[in-house]
Amino acid sequence: DDPSIDFGTGDFSVAFWINSSDGFSDAPTIIGKQSGDGFRIYGEGGGVLKLNLADGVSNSTSTIGDINDGAWHHVAVTRFGANRTYLDGNLVVNNSPGSIDVSTAAALVIGAGGDSTNDFEGLLDDVRLYSRQLSDSDITELSTMLPASPTPTSMATATTGGGLSINHDGGNDAYLSTDASVLDGHADLTLE
């Protein structure tokens, strides 16, 4: 676990492309670093994405929006005192839940909930974590950059069992990489 993604009470942002037609009946984790305390973006019944921040004292949950139509959607969350959530470049929620400390020893999870009951069924691409606030113009830029040939690997087959690593490039980006054994015979995968 890299300390650069343990955001505490500081600013941070998460952005990614998602494509799913799942109804999210098992509340799958899309991306999160949470075991009681921390942050988590997850699906809820009916195909709705939500953001949860928790620190053992305070708990804040915001609805991001409905994404289970089988089309690509861009999701961004940024915290800088207030929480802002965006869907397809549009501001959905702007709230101030107070200073929630999302520090946690939990591992970063992308597309899997740590057990076999709440894995994400769908596609993810261009997953990004930042230890800073993204501006509205940053989010507009990211949300208009639909991958030219969006052929990501389904994260439902990825588990945290062996061959998974997170690398920090020394800047504002972290990279999740895995080998073919984790992806059921697919080539290497790097989410940037």
N, C-alpha and C. Protein backbone atom coordinates (compact mmCIF):
# COMPACT_ATOMS: atom_id res chain seq x y z
N ASP A 1 0.84 -1.18 0.00
CA ASP A 1 0.00 0.00 0.00
C ASP A 1 0.89 1.24 0.00
N ASP A 2 0.72 2.08 -0.97
CA ASP A 2 1.53 3.27 -1.14
C ASP A 2 0.94 4.43 -0.32
N PRO A 3 1.74 5.08 0.54
CA PRO A 3 1.21 6.17 1.35
C PRO A 3 0.69 7.35 0.52
N SER A 4 1.10 7.46 -0.74
CA SER A 4 0.64 8.58 -1.56
C SER A 4 -0.86 8.48 -1.88
N ILE A 5 -1.46 7.31 -1.67
CA ILE A 5 -2.90 7.19 -1.90
C ILE A 5 -3.68 7.03 -0.59
N ASP A 6 -3.03 7.37 0.53
CA ASP A 6 -3.72 7.44 1.82
C ASP A 6 -4.00 8.92 2.06
N PHE A 7 -5.16 9.40 1.62
CA PHE A 7 -5.43 10.83 1.49
C PHE A 7 -5.76 11.54 2.79
N GLY A 8 -6.10 10.82 3.86
CA GLY A 8 -6.40 11.46 5.14
C GLY A 8 -7.52 12.48 5.01
N THR A 9 -7.25 13.71 5.47
CA THR A 9 -8.23 14.80 5.35
C THR A 9 -7.87 15.73 4.19
N GLY A 10 -6.86 15.35 3.40
CA GLY A 10 -6.40 16.20 2.30
C GLY A 10 -7.25 16.08 1.05
N ASP A 11 -6.87 16.90 0.09
CA ASP A 11 -7.54 16.89 -1.21
C ASP A 11 -7.22 15.60 -1.96
N PHE A 12 -8.17 15.11 -2.72
CA PHE A 12 -7.91 14.00 -3.62
C PHE A 12 -8.98 13.95 -4.70
N SER A 13 -8.68 13.24 -5.77
CA SER A 13 -9.63 13.06 -6.87
C SER A 13 -9.49 11.66 -7.43
N VAL A 14 -10.58 11.14 -7.92
CA VAL A 14 -10.64 9.84 -8.59
C VAL A 14 -11.43 10.06 -9.88
N ALA A 15 -10.94 9.51 -10.98
CA ALA A 15 -11.66 9.63 -12.25
C ALA A 15 -11.49 8.34 -13.04
N PHE A 16 -12.52 7.95 -13.78
CA PHE A 16 -12.45 6.74 -14.58
C PHE A 16 -13.60 6.72 -15.58
N TRP A 17 -13.44 5.87 -16.60
CA TRP A 17 -14.50 5.55 -17.55
C TRP A 17 -15.10 4.22 -17.13
N ILE A 18 -16.41 4.08 -17.25
CA ILE A 18 -17.11 2.86 -16.85
C ILE A 18 -18.18 2.51 -17.88
N ASN A 19 -18.36 1.21 -18.10
CA ASN A 19 -19.38 0.71 -19.00
C ASN A 19 -19.96 -0.55 -18.38
N SER A 20 -21.25 -0.53 -18.07
CA SER A 20 -21.88 -1.69 -17.45
C SER A 20 -23.38 -1.67 -17.72
N SER A 21 -23.97 -2.85 -17.75
CA SER A 21 -25.42 -2.95 -17.81
C SER A 21 -25.94 -3.72 -16.59
N ASP A 22 -25.06 -3.90 -15.60
CA ASP A 22 -25.40 -4.63 -14.38
C ASP A 22 -26.33 -3.79 -13.49
N GLY A 23 -27.24 -4.44 -12.81
CA GLY A 23 -28.14 -3.77 -11.88
C GLY A 23 -27.54 -3.54 -10.51
N PHE A 24 -26.32 -4.03 -10.27
CA PHE A 24 -25.57 -3.83 -9.03
C PHE A 24 -26.31 -4.34 -7.79
N SER A 25 -26.93 -5.49 -7.89
CA SER A 25 -27.67 -6.03 -6.74
C SER A 25 -26.76 -6.42 -5.59
N ASP A 26 -25.46 -6.65 -5.86
CA ASP A 26 -24.53 -7.05 -4.80
C ASP A 26 -23.65 -5.90 -4.31
N ALA A 27 -23.99 -4.64 -4.63
CA ALA A 27 -23.23 -3.45 -4.20
C ALA A 27 -21.74 -3.58 -4.50
N PRO A 28 -21.37 -3.79 -5.78
CA PRO A 28 -19.96 -3.98 -6.10
C PRO A 28 -19.12 -2.72 -5.90
N THR A 29 -17.89 -2.94 -5.47
CA THR A 29 -16.95 -1.84 -5.38
C THR A 29 -16.37 -1.58 -6.77
N ILE A 30 -16.45 -0.34 -7.21
CA ILE A 30 -15.83 0.06 -8.47
C ILE A 30 -14.38 0.42 -8.19
N ILE A 31 -14.17 1.30 -7.23
CA ILE A 31 -12.84 1.63 -6.74
C ILE A 31 -12.99 2.09 -5.29
N GLY A 32 -12.07 1.69 -4.46
CA GLY A 32 -12.15 2.10 -3.07
C GLY A 32 -10.94 1.71 -2.28
N LYS A 33 -10.83 2.33 -1.16
CA LYS A 33 -9.80 2.05 -0.17
C LYS A 33 -10.51 2.20 1.17
N GLN A 34 -11.27 1.16 1.52
CA GLN A 34 -12.15 1.28 2.67
C GLN A 34 -12.35 -0.05 3.37
N SER A 35 -12.24 -0.01 4.67
CA SER A 35 -12.60 -1.12 5.54
C SER A 35 -13.17 -0.49 6.80
N GLY A 36 -14.39 0.00 6.69
CA GLY A 36 -14.97 0.83 7.74
C GLY A 36 -14.64 2.28 7.46
N ASP A 37 -13.36 2.65 7.61
CA ASP A 37 -12.87 4.00 7.29
C ASP A 37 -12.36 4.01 5.86
N GLY A 38 -12.40 5.17 5.21
CA GLY A 38 -11.83 5.30 3.88
C GLY A 38 -12.83 5.85 2.88
N PHE A 39 -12.55 5.60 1.59
CA PHE A 39 -13.46 6.03 0.53
C PHE A 39 -13.82 4.83 -0.35
N ARG A 40 -14.98 4.91 -0.95
CA ARG A 40 -15.44 3.82 -1.82
C ARG A 40 -16.44 4.38 -2.82
N ILE A 41 -16.25 4.06 -4.10
CA ILE A 41 -17.25 4.31 -5.13
C ILE A 41 -17.82 2.94 -5.47
N TYR A 42 -19.12 2.79 -5.37
CA TYR A 42 -19.73 1.48 -5.52
C TYR A 42 -21.07 1.59 -6.24
N GLY A 43 -21.55 0.45 -6.72
CA GLY A 43 -22.85 0.39 -7.37
C GLY A 43 -23.92 -0.04 -6.38
N GLU A 44 -25.12 0.47 -6.60
CA GLU A 44 -26.24 0.09 -5.75
C GLU A 44 -27.40 -0.31 -6.65
N GLY A 45 -28.35 -1.04 -6.12
CA GLY A 45 -29.48 -1.55 -6.90
C GLY A 45 -30.04 -0.56 -7.90
N GLY A 46 -30.34 -1.04 -9.09
CA GLY A 46 -30.87 -0.19 -10.15
C GLY A 46 -29.79 0.41 -11.03
N GLY A 47 -28.52 0.09 -10.76
CA GLY A 47 -27.43 0.60 -11.59
C GLY A 47 -26.94 1.98 -11.20
N VAL A 48 -27.13 2.37 -9.95
CA VAL A 48 -26.75 3.70 -9.47
C VAL A 48 -25.37 3.64 -8.83
N LEU A 49 -24.49 4.59 -9.20
CA LEU A 49 -23.18 4.72 -8.55
C LEU A 49 -23.28 5.66 -7.36
N LYS A 50 -22.54 5.32 -6.29
CA LYS A 50 -22.52 6.15 -5.09
C LYS A 50 -21.09 6.31 -4.60
N LEU A 51 -20.84 7.39 -3.87
CA LEU A 51 -19.57 7.66 -3.20
C LEU A 51 -19.82 7.62 -1.71
N ASN A 52 -18.95 6.89 -0.99
CA ASN A 52 -19.03 6.87 0.46
C ASN A 52 -17.68 7.25 1.04
N LEU A 53 -17.69 8.19 2.00
CA LEU A 53 -16.52 8.58 2.79
C LEU A 53 -16.84 8.30 4.24
N ALA A 54 -15.92 7.67 4.97
CA ALA A 54 -16.18 7.33 6.36
C ALA A 54 -14.91 7.39 7.18
N ASP A 55 -15.04 7.78 8.45
CA ASP A 55 -13.87 7.82 9.34
C ASP A 55 -14.14 7.26 10.73
N GLY A 56 -15.21 6.51 10.89
CA GLY A 56 -15.52 5.94 12.19
C GLY A 56 -16.40 6.84 13.03
N VAL A 57 -16.37 8.15 12.77
CA VAL A 57 -17.22 9.11 13.47
C VAL A 57 -18.26 9.66 12.49
N SER A 58 -17.79 10.07 11.33
CA SER A 58 -18.66 10.63 10.30
C SER A 58 -18.74 9.70 9.10
N ASN A 59 -19.86 9.78 8.41
CA ASN A 59 -20.09 8.95 7.24
C ASN A 59 -20.89 9.79 6.25
N SER A 60 -20.43 9.91 5.02
CA SER A 60 -21.12 10.69 4.00
C SER A 60 -21.28 9.84 2.74
N THR A 61 -22.52 9.75 2.24
CA THR A 61 -22.79 9.02 1.00
C THR A 61 -23.49 9.96 0.03
N SER A 62 -22.97 10.03 -1.20
CA SER A 62 -23.55 10.87 -2.25
C SER A 62 -23.88 10.00 -3.45
N THR A 63 -24.99 10.29 -4.11
CA THR A 63 -25.36 9.60 -5.33
C THR A 63 -24.68 10.28 -6.52
N ILE A 64 -23.99 9.48 -7.33
CA ILE A 64 -23.34 10.00 -8.53
C ILE A 64 -24.30 9.92 -9.71
N GLY A 65 -24.96 8.80 -9.91
CA GLY A 65 -25.94 8.69 -10.99
C GLY A 65 -26.09 7.29 -11.52
N ASP A 66 -27.02 7.12 -12.43
CA ASP A 66 -27.36 5.84 -13.05
C ASP A 66 -26.48 5.63 -14.27
N ILE A 67 -25.77 4.49 -14.31
CA ILE A 67 -24.84 4.23 -15.42
C ILE A 67 -25.02 2.86 -16.06
N ASN A 68 -26.07 2.14 -15.75
CA ASN A 68 -26.17 0.74 -16.21
C ASN A 68 -26.88 0.59 -17.55
N ASP A 69 -26.55 1.45 -18.51
CA ASP A 69 -27.20 1.40 -19.82
C ASP A 69 -26.33 0.77 -20.90
N GLY A 70 -25.16 0.21 -20.52
CA GLY A 70 -24.28 -0.43 -21.49
C GLY A 70 -23.48 0.55 -22.33
N ALA A 71 -23.49 1.83 -21.98
CA ALA A 71 -22.72 2.86 -22.69
C ALA A 71 -21.56 3.32 -21.81
N TRP A 72 -20.57 3.96 -22.41
CA TRP A 72 -19.43 4.49 -21.66
C TRP A 72 -19.85 5.78 -20.95
N HIS A 73 -19.45 5.88 -19.67
CA HIS A 73 -19.71 7.08 -18.86
C HIS A 73 -18.41 7.46 -18.15
N HIS A 74 -18.19 8.76 -18.04
CA HIS A 74 -17.03 9.24 -17.28
C HIS A 74 -17.51 9.64 -15.89
N VAL A 75 -16.80 9.17 -14.88
CA VAL A 75 -17.10 9.48 -13.48
C VAL A 75 -15.90 10.17 -12.87
N ALA A 76 -16.14 11.24 -12.12
CA ALA A 76 -15.06 11.92 -11.40
C ALA A 76 -15.58 12.36 -10.03
N VAL A 77 -14.71 12.23 -9.05
CA VAL A 77 -14.98 12.67 -7.69
C VAL A 77 -13.78 13.48 -7.26
N THR A 78 -14.03 14.65 -6.68
CA THR A 78 -12.92 15.44 -6.18
C THR A 78 -13.29 16.01 -4.81
N ARG A 79 -12.31 15.97 -3.89
CA ARG A 79 -12.55 16.50 -2.56
C ARG A 79 -11.51 17.57 -2.28
N PHE A 80 -11.99 18.70 -1.80
CA PHE A 80 -11.13 19.83 -1.45
C PHE A 80 -11.79 20.62 -0.34
N GLY A 81 -12.23 19.95 0.69
CA GLY A 81 -13.07 20.56 1.72
C GLY A 81 -14.52 20.20 1.42
N ALA A 82 -14.96 20.46 0.20
CA ALA A 82 -16.27 20.02 -0.28
C ALA A 82 -16.05 18.77 -1.13
N ASN A 83 -17.10 18.01 -1.31
CA ASN A 83 -17.06 16.87 -2.23
C ASN A 83 -17.83 17.26 -3.48
N ARG A 84 -17.22 17.03 -4.63
CA ARG A 84 -17.92 17.23 -5.89
C ARG A 84 -17.90 15.92 -6.65
N THR A 85 -19.05 15.53 -7.17
CA THR A 85 -19.12 14.34 -8.01
C THR A 85 -19.63 14.77 -9.39
N TYR A 86 -19.07 14.13 -10.41
CA TYR A 86 -19.40 14.46 -11.80
C TYR A 86 -19.75 13.18 -12.54
N LEU A 87 -20.71 13.29 -13.43
CA LEU A 87 -21.05 12.19 -14.33
C LEU A 87 -21.07 12.77 -15.74
N ASP A 88 -20.23 12.19 -16.61
CA ASP A 88 -20.11 12.64 -18.00
C ASP A 88 -19.81 14.14 -18.08
N GLY A 89 -18.94 14.62 -17.17
CA GLY A 89 -18.50 16.01 -17.18
C GLY A 89 -19.43 16.99 -16.51
N ASN A 90 -20.60 16.54 -16.08
CA ASN A 90 -21.59 17.41 -15.44
C ASN A 90 -21.54 17.28 -13.93
N LEU A 91 -21.50 18.41 -13.23
CA LEU A 91 -21.52 18.40 -11.78
C LEU A 91 -22.85 17.83 -11.30
N VAL A 92 -22.79 16.80 -10.46
CA VAL A 92 -23.99 16.15 -9.95
C VAL A 92 -24.23 16.55 -8.50
N VAL A 93 -23.18 16.51 -7.68
CA VAL A 93 -23.30 16.82 -6.25
C VAL A 93 -22.16 17.73 -5.85
N ASN A 94 -22.48 18.74 -5.05
CA ASN A 94 -21.49 19.61 -4.44
C ASN A 94 -21.92 19.78 -2.99
N ASN A 95 -21.26 19.06 -2.08
CA ASN A 95 -21.66 19.14 -0.67
C ASN A 95 -20.43 19.27 0.22
N SER A 96 -20.66 19.65 1.45
CA SER A 96 -19.58 19.80 2.44
C SER A 96 -19.90 18.93 3.64
N PRO A 97 -19.44 17.68 3.63
CA PRO A 97 -19.77 16.77 4.72
C PRO A 97 -18.92 16.97 5.97
N GLY A 98 -18.09 17.98 6.00
CA GLY A 98 -17.17 18.17 7.12
C GLY A 98 -15.84 17.51 6.81
N SER A 99 -14.96 17.53 7.74
CA SER A 99 -13.61 16.99 7.53
C SER A 99 -13.58 15.51 7.87
N ILE A 100 -13.83 14.67 6.89
CA ILE A 100 -13.81 13.22 7.10
C ILE A 100 -12.42 12.71 6.76
N ASP A 101 -11.80 12.06 7.73
CA ASP A 101 -10.46 11.50 7.56
C ASP A 101 -10.58 10.12 6.93
N VAL A 102 -10.19 10.01 5.65
CA VAL A 102 -10.33 8.73 4.94
C VAL A 102 -9.07 7.87 5.06
N SER A 103 -8.22 8.15 6.06
CA SER A 103 -7.04 7.31 6.29
C SER A 103 -7.48 5.90 6.63
N THR A 104 -6.80 4.93 6.06
CA THR A 104 -7.12 3.54 6.34
C THR A 104 -5.94 2.66 5.93
N ALA A 105 -5.81 1.53 6.59
CA ALA A 105 -4.79 0.56 6.21
C ALA A 105 -5.30 -0.37 5.12
N ALA A 106 -6.55 -0.21 4.72
CA ALA A 106 -7.13 -1.08 3.69
C ALA A 106 -6.40 -0.91 2.37
N ALA A 107 -6.36 -1.98 1.60
CA ALA A 107 -5.74 -1.95 0.27
C ALA A 107 -6.65 -1.23 -0.72
N LEU A 108 -6.05 -0.63 -1.73
CA LEU A 108 -6.81 -0.06 -2.82
C LEU A 108 -7.41 -1.21 -3.62
N VAL A 109 -8.70 -1.12 -3.92
CA VAL A 109 -9.41 -2.16 -4.65
C VAL A 109 -10.04 -1.53 -5.88
N ILE A 110 -9.86 -2.16 -7.03
CA ILE A 110 -10.48 -1.70 -8.27
C ILE A 110 -11.24 -2.88 -8.87
N GLY A 111 -12.56 -2.76 -8.93
CA GLY A 111 -13.39 -3.76 -9.58
C GLY A 111 -13.66 -5.01 -8.78
N ALA A 112 -13.21 -5.08 -7.56
CA ALA A 112 -13.44 -6.27 -6.74
C ALA A 112 -13.62 -5.84 -5.29
N GLY A 113 -14.48 -6.54 -4.60
CA GLY A 113 -14.77 -6.19 -3.22
C GLY A 113 -14.01 -6.99 -2.20
N GLY A 114 -13.07 -7.80 -2.60
CA GLY A 114 -12.32 -8.59 -1.65
C GLY A 114 -12.91 -9.96 -1.40
N ASP A 115 -14.10 -10.21 -1.89
CA ASP A 115 -14.70 -11.54 -1.82
C ASP A 115 -15.43 -11.78 -3.13
N SER A 116 -16.00 -12.93 -3.30
CA SER A 116 -16.60 -13.26 -4.60
C SER A 116 -18.04 -12.79 -4.74
N THR A 117 -18.60 -12.12 -3.73
CA THR A 117 -20.01 -11.76 -3.80
C THR A 117 -20.26 -10.36 -4.34
N ASN A 118 -19.27 -9.48 -4.35
CA ASN A 118 -19.56 -8.13 -4.84
C ASN A 118 -18.49 -7.61 -5.79
N ASP A 119 -18.10 -8.44 -6.74
CA ASP A 119 -17.18 -8.00 -7.80
C ASP A 119 -17.96 -7.22 -8.85
N PHE A 120 -17.31 -6.24 -9.43
CA PHE A 120 -17.90 -5.41 -10.47
C PHE A 120 -18.01 -6.19 -11.77
N GLU A 121 -19.16 -6.15 -12.40
CA GLU A 121 -19.40 -6.78 -13.69
C GLU A 121 -19.51 -5.69 -14.74
N GLY A 122 -18.46 -5.46 -15.49
CA GLY A 122 -18.47 -4.42 -16.51
C GLY A 122 -17.06 -4.09 -16.94
N LEU A 123 -16.90 -2.94 -17.55
CA LEU A 123 -15.61 -2.50 -18.08
C LEU A 123 -15.18 -1.19 -17.42
N LEU A 124 -13.89 -1.09 -17.14
CA LEU A 124 -13.29 0.15 -16.62
C LEU A 124 -12.14 0.53 -17.51
N ASP A 125 -11.90 1.83 -17.65
CA ASP A 125 -10.78 2.31 -18.45
C ASP A 125 -10.29 3.62 -17.86
N ASP A 126 -9.02 3.90 -18.04
CA ASP A 126 -8.39 5.17 -17.67
C ASP A 126 -8.68 5.54 -16.22
N VAL A 127 -8.43 4.61 -15.30
CA VAL A 127 -8.64 4.85 -13.87
C VAL A 127 -7.50 5.74 -13.36
N ARG A 128 -7.86 6.85 -12.71
CA ARG A 128 -6.87 7.81 -12.24
C ARG A 128 -7.13 8.19 -10.79
N LEU A 129 -6.05 8.29 -10.02
CA LEU A 129 -6.08 8.78 -8.64
C LEU A 129 -5.15 9.97 -8.55
N TYR A 130 -5.61 11.02 -7.92
CA TYR A 130 -4.81 12.23 -7.75
C TYR A 130 -4.82 12.62 -6.27
N SER A 131 -3.70 13.12 -5.79
CA SER A 131 -3.65 13.64 -4.42
C SER A 131 -3.83 15.16 -4.45
N ARG A 132 -4.76 15.60 -5.28
CA ARG A 132 -5.09 17.02 -5.42
C ARG A 132 -6.51 17.15 -5.95
N GLN A 133 -7.03 18.34 -5.86
CA GLN A 133 -8.33 18.64 -6.43
C GLN A 133 -8.22 18.76 -7.94
N LEU A 134 -9.15 18.19 -8.66
CA LEU A 134 -9.26 18.44 -10.09
C LEU A 134 -10.18 19.64 -10.29
N SER A 135 -9.80 20.52 -11.19
CA SER A 135 -10.63 21.68 -11.50
C SER A 135 -11.76 21.26 -12.45
N ASP A 136 -12.73 22.14 -12.61
CA ASP A 136 -13.80 21.87 -13.57
C ASP A 136 -13.24 21.67 -14.96
N SER A 137 -12.23 22.45 -15.34
CA SER A 137 -11.65 22.29 -16.69
C SER A 137 -10.89 20.96 -16.81
N ASP A 138 -10.23 20.51 -15.73
CA ASP A 138 -9.59 19.18 -15.75
C ASP A 138 -10.63 18.10 -16.02
N ILE A 139 -11.75 18.19 -15.34
CA ILE A 139 -12.79 17.17 -15.47
C ILE A 139 -13.43 17.23 -16.85
N THR A 140 -13.64 18.43 -17.38
CA THR A 140 -14.16 18.55 -18.74
C THR A 140 -13.22 17.91 -19.73
N GLU A 141 -11.92 18.14 -19.56
CA GLU A 141 -10.93 17.54 -20.47
C GLU A 141 -10.95 16.02 -20.37
N LEU A 142 -10.95 15.48 -19.16
CA LEU A 142 -10.95 14.03 -18.98
C LEU A 142 -12.23 13.40 -19.52
N SER A 143 -13.36 14.06 -19.34
CA SER A 143 -14.64 13.47 -19.73
C SER A 143 -14.92 13.57 -21.23
N THR A 144 -14.10 14.29 -21.96
CA THR A 144 -14.29 14.37 -23.41
C THR A 144 -13.25 13.55 -24.16
N MET A 145 -12.42 12.82 -23.42
CA MET A 145 -11.36 12.01 -24.02
C MET A 145 -11.75 10.55 -24.08
N LEU A 146 -12.94 10.23 -24.58
CA LEU A 146 -13.36 8.84 -24.70
C LEU A 146 -12.28 8.06 -25.44
N PRO A 147 -11.84 6.95 -24.90
CA PRO A 147 -10.77 6.18 -25.55
C PRO A 147 -11.11 5.89 -27.01
N ALA A 148 -10.09 6.07 -27.88
CA ALA A 148 -10.29 5.89 -29.32
C ALA A 148 -10.77 4.48 -29.64
N SER A 149 -10.22 3.50 -28.99
CA SER A 149 -10.67 2.12 -29.19
C SER A 149 -10.86 1.49 -27.82
N PRO A 150 -11.98 1.79 -27.16
CA PRO A 150 -12.19 1.31 -25.79
C PRO A 150 -12.38 -0.19 -25.71
N THR A 151 -11.28 -0.90 -25.47
CA THR A 151 -11.33 -2.35 -25.34
C THR A 151 -10.68 -2.80 -24.04
N PRO A 152 -11.11 -2.22 -22.89
CA PRO A 152 -10.52 -2.64 -21.63
C PRO A 152 -10.91 -4.06 -21.27
N THR A 153 -10.16 -4.63 -20.35
CA THR A 153 -10.43 -5.98 -19.87
C THR A 153 -11.45 -5.92 -18.74
N SER A 154 -12.39 -6.83 -18.73
CA SER A 154 -13.38 -6.87 -17.66
C SER A 154 -12.68 -7.08 -16.32
N MET A 155 -12.99 -6.24 -15.38
CA MET A 155 -12.36 -6.33 -14.06
C MET A 155 -13.00 -7.41 -13.20
N ALA A 156 -14.08 -8.00 -13.66
CA ALA A 156 -14.73 -9.03 -12.86
C ALA A 156 -13.82 -10.23 -12.65
N THR A 157 -12.87 -10.46 -13.56
CA THR A 157 -12.00 -11.61 -13.43
C THR A 157 -10.75 -11.29 -12.61
N ALA A 158 -10.49 -10.02 -12.35
CA ALA A 158 -9.29 -9.65 -11.61
C ALA A 158 -9.52 -9.81 -10.11
N THR A 159 -8.56 -10.42 -9.45
CA THR A 159 -8.61 -10.53 -8.00
C THR A 159 -7.31 -9.99 -7.45
N THR A 160 -7.24 -9.86 -6.15
CA THR A 160 -6.02 -9.37 -5.53
C THR A 160 -5.03 -10.49 -5.25
N GLY A 161 -5.32 -11.69 -5.69
CA GLY A 161 -4.44 -12.83 -5.43
C GLY A 161 -3.26 -12.88 -6.38
N GLY A 162 -2.10 -12.39 -5.97
CA GLY A 162 -0.87 -12.50 -6.74
C GLY A 162 -0.85 -11.71 -8.03
N GLY A 163 0.31 -11.24 -8.42
CA GLY A 163 0.51 -10.60 -9.69
C GLY A 163 -0.07 -9.21 -9.84
N LEU A 164 -0.53 -8.59 -8.76
CA LEU A 164 -1.14 -7.28 -8.81
C LEU A 164 -0.21 -6.28 -8.13
N SER A 165 0.06 -5.16 -8.78
CA SER A 165 0.95 -4.17 -8.16
C SER A 165 0.48 -2.76 -8.47
N ILE A 166 0.80 -1.86 -7.57
CA ILE A 166 0.52 -0.44 -7.78
C ILE A 166 1.86 0.28 -7.80
N ASN A 167 2.06 1.07 -8.83
CA ASN A 167 3.29 1.83 -8.97
C ASN A 167 2.96 3.31 -9.04
N HIS A 168 3.73 4.12 -8.37
CA HIS A 168 3.56 5.57 -8.37
C HIS A 168 4.66 6.15 -9.23
N ASP A 169 4.32 7.06 -10.15
CA ASP A 169 5.31 7.56 -11.10
C ASP A 169 6.10 8.76 -10.58
N GLY A 170 5.92 9.15 -9.33
CA GLY A 170 6.63 10.29 -8.77
C GLY A 170 5.88 11.59 -8.98
N GLY A 171 4.85 11.57 -9.81
CA GLY A 171 4.03 12.75 -10.06
C GLY A 171 2.70 12.58 -9.38
N ASN A 172 1.64 12.88 -10.09
CA ASN A 172 0.30 12.81 -9.53
C ASN A 172 -0.45 11.54 -9.90
N ASP A 173 0.21 10.60 -10.59
CA ASP A 173 -0.48 9.41 -11.08
C ASP A 173 0.01 8.14 -10.38
N ALA A 174 -0.89 7.19 -10.22
CA ALA A 174 -0.55 5.86 -9.74
C ALA A 174 -1.02 4.87 -10.81
N TYR A 175 -0.30 3.76 -10.97
CA TYR A 175 -0.62 2.78 -12.01
C TYR A 175 -0.84 1.42 -11.38
N LEU A 176 -1.93 0.78 -11.76
CA LEU A 176 -2.24 -0.57 -11.32
C LEU A 176 -1.86 -1.49 -12.47
N SER A 177 -1.04 -2.47 -12.18
CA SER A 177 -0.61 -3.42 -13.20
C SER A 177 -0.85 -4.84 -12.70
N THR A 178 -1.06 -5.74 -13.64
CA THR A 178 -1.25 -7.14 -13.28
C THR A 178 -0.69 -8.02 -14.39
N ASP A 179 -0.43 -9.27 -14.07
CA ASP A 179 0.07 -10.17 -15.10
C ASP A 179 -1.07 -11.03 -15.65
N ALA A 180 -0.78 -11.78 -16.67
CA ALA A 180 -1.81 -12.55 -17.38
C ALA A 180 -2.48 -13.60 -16.49
N SER A 181 -1.78 -14.11 -15.48
CA SER A 181 -2.40 -15.13 -14.64
C SER A 181 -3.59 -14.59 -13.87
N VAL A 182 -3.56 -13.31 -13.53
CA VAL A 182 -4.67 -12.70 -12.81
C VAL A 182 -5.83 -12.42 -13.75
N LEU A 183 -5.53 -12.12 -15.01
CA LEU A 183 -6.55 -11.74 -15.97
C LEU A 183 -6.99 -12.90 -16.85
N ASP A 184 -6.83 -14.10 -16.37
CA ASP A 184 -7.33 -15.28 -17.06
C ASP A 184 -6.81 -15.38 -18.49
N GLY A 185 -5.49 -15.19 -18.65
CA GLY A 185 -4.87 -15.37 -19.95
C GLY A 185 -4.80 -14.14 -20.83
N HIS A 186 -5.36 -13.00 -20.41
CA HIS A 186 -5.27 -11.78 -21.21
C HIS A 186 -3.84 -11.20 -21.09
N ALA A 187 -3.49 -10.31 -21.96
CA ALA A 187 -2.20 -9.64 -21.90
C ALA A 187 -2.11 -8.73 -20.70
N ASP A 188 -0.92 -8.17 -20.45
CA ASP A 188 -0.74 -7.24 -19.34
C ASP A 188 -1.76 -6.12 -19.41
N LEU A 189 -2.14 -5.61 -18.26
CA LEU A 189 -3.11 -4.53 -18.15
C LEU A 189 -2.51 -3.44 -17.31
N THR A 190 -2.52 -2.22 -17.79
CA THR A 190 -2.11 -1.07 -17.00
C THR A 190 -3.21 -0.04 -17.08
N LEU A 191 -3.73 0.36 -15.93
CA LEU A 191 -4.73 1.42 -15.86
C LEU A 191 -4.01 2.69 -15.49
N GLU A 192 -4.17 3.73 -16.28
CA GLU A 192 -3.47 4.99 -16.02
C GLU A 192 -4.46 6.05 -15.65
